[in-house]
Amino acid sequence: MEQKYFLARRQMELDAALRAQCPESRMIHLDLAGRYGVKAADTAGEARIDRPLEVIDDAQLRFVA
């Protein structure tokens, strides 16, 4: 759920960057979008860590590592 929130906020900031009139505003929105992207990746990583290992099959483990 948190990951969806951060991904939605990231998209909103990217959209705002496209509409920005000045370069400073564009850079601020792109910076915020990047930060929300990092937060979304962190929450995705925490979700993987919280799951028991027996639930994760070998194919998924290759992509996590």
Protein backbone atom coordinates (compact mmCIF):
# COMPACT_ATOMS: atom_id res chain seq x y z
CA MET A 1 0.00 0.00 0.00
CA GLU A 2 2.77 2.46 0.89
CA GLN A 3 4.57 1.65 -2.34
CA LYS A 4 1.49 2.58 -4.39
CA TYR A 5 1.29 5.90 -2.51
CA PHE A 6 4.93 6.77 -3.18
CA LEU A 7 4.66 5.74 -6.83
CA ALA A 8 1.57 7.93 -7.24
CA ARG A 9 3.35 10.88 -5.60
CA ARG A 10 6.35 10.28 -7.89
CA GLN A 11 4.11 10.42 -10.94
CA MET A 12 2.45 13.60 -9.71
CA GLU A 13 5.85 15.26 -9.32
CA LEU A 14 6.94 14.14 -12.78
CA ASP A 15 3.76 15.60 -14.23
CA ALA A 16 4.37 18.84 -12.33
CA ALA A 17 7.92 18.95 -13.70
CA LEU A 18 6.56 18.75 -17.24
CA ARG A 19 4.22 21.68 -16.54
CA ALA A 20 6.84 23.80 -14.73
CA GLN A 21 7.52 27.19 -16.28
CA CYS A 22 11.02 27.81 -14.97
CA PRO A 23 14.05 25.51 -14.74
CA GLU A 24 14.30 25.88 -10.95
CA SER A 25 10.76 24.62 -10.46
CA ARG A 26 11.38 21.77 -12.87
CA MET A 27 14.49 20.70 -10.95
CA ILE A 28 12.65 20.82 -7.62
CA HIS A 29 9.86 18.61 -8.95
CA LEU A 30 12.34 16.18 -10.51
CA ASP A 31 14.25 16.02 -7.22
CA LEU A 32 11.04 15.27 -5.31
CA ALA A 33 10.10 12.62 -7.89
CA GLY A 34 13.46 10.96 -7.36
CA ARG A 35 13.03 10.96 -3.60
CA TYR A 36 9.56 9.42 -3.91
CA GLY A 37 11.05 6.79 -6.23
CA VAL A 38 13.63 5.89 -3.60
CA LYS A 39 10.93 5.65 -0.94
CA ALA A 40 8.87 3.36 -3.20
CA ALA A 41 11.89 1.12 -3.77
CA ASP A 42 12.57 1.02 -0.02
CA THR A 43 9.02 -0.04 0.76
CA ALA A 44 9.20 -2.73 -1.94
CA GLY A 45 12.41 -4.02 -0.38
CA GLU A 46 10.88 -4.10 3.09
CA ALA A 47 7.90 -6.06 1.77
CA ARG A 48 10.28 -8.66 0.33
CA ILE A 49 12.24 -8.92 3.57
CA ASP A 50 9.10 -9.32 5.69
CA ARG A 51 7.85 -12.30 3.70
CA PRO A 52 8.93 -15.74 4.92
CA LEU A 53 11.58 -17.38 2.75
CA GLU A 54 9.51 -20.51 2.11
CA VAL A 55 6.96 -18.33 0.28
CA ILE A 56 9.57 -16.95 -2.11
CA ASP A 57 10.47 -19.38 -4.89
CA ASP A 58 13.91 -19.69 -6.48
CA ALA A 59 13.03 -17.57 -9.52
CA GLN A 60 12.12 -14.62 -7.31
CA LEU A 61 15.28 -15.02 -5.23
CA ARG A 62 17.44 -14.58 -8.33
CA PHE A 63 15.87 -11.18 -9.02
CA VAL A 64 16.06 -10.02 -5.40
CA ALA A 65 19.76 -10.78 -5.05
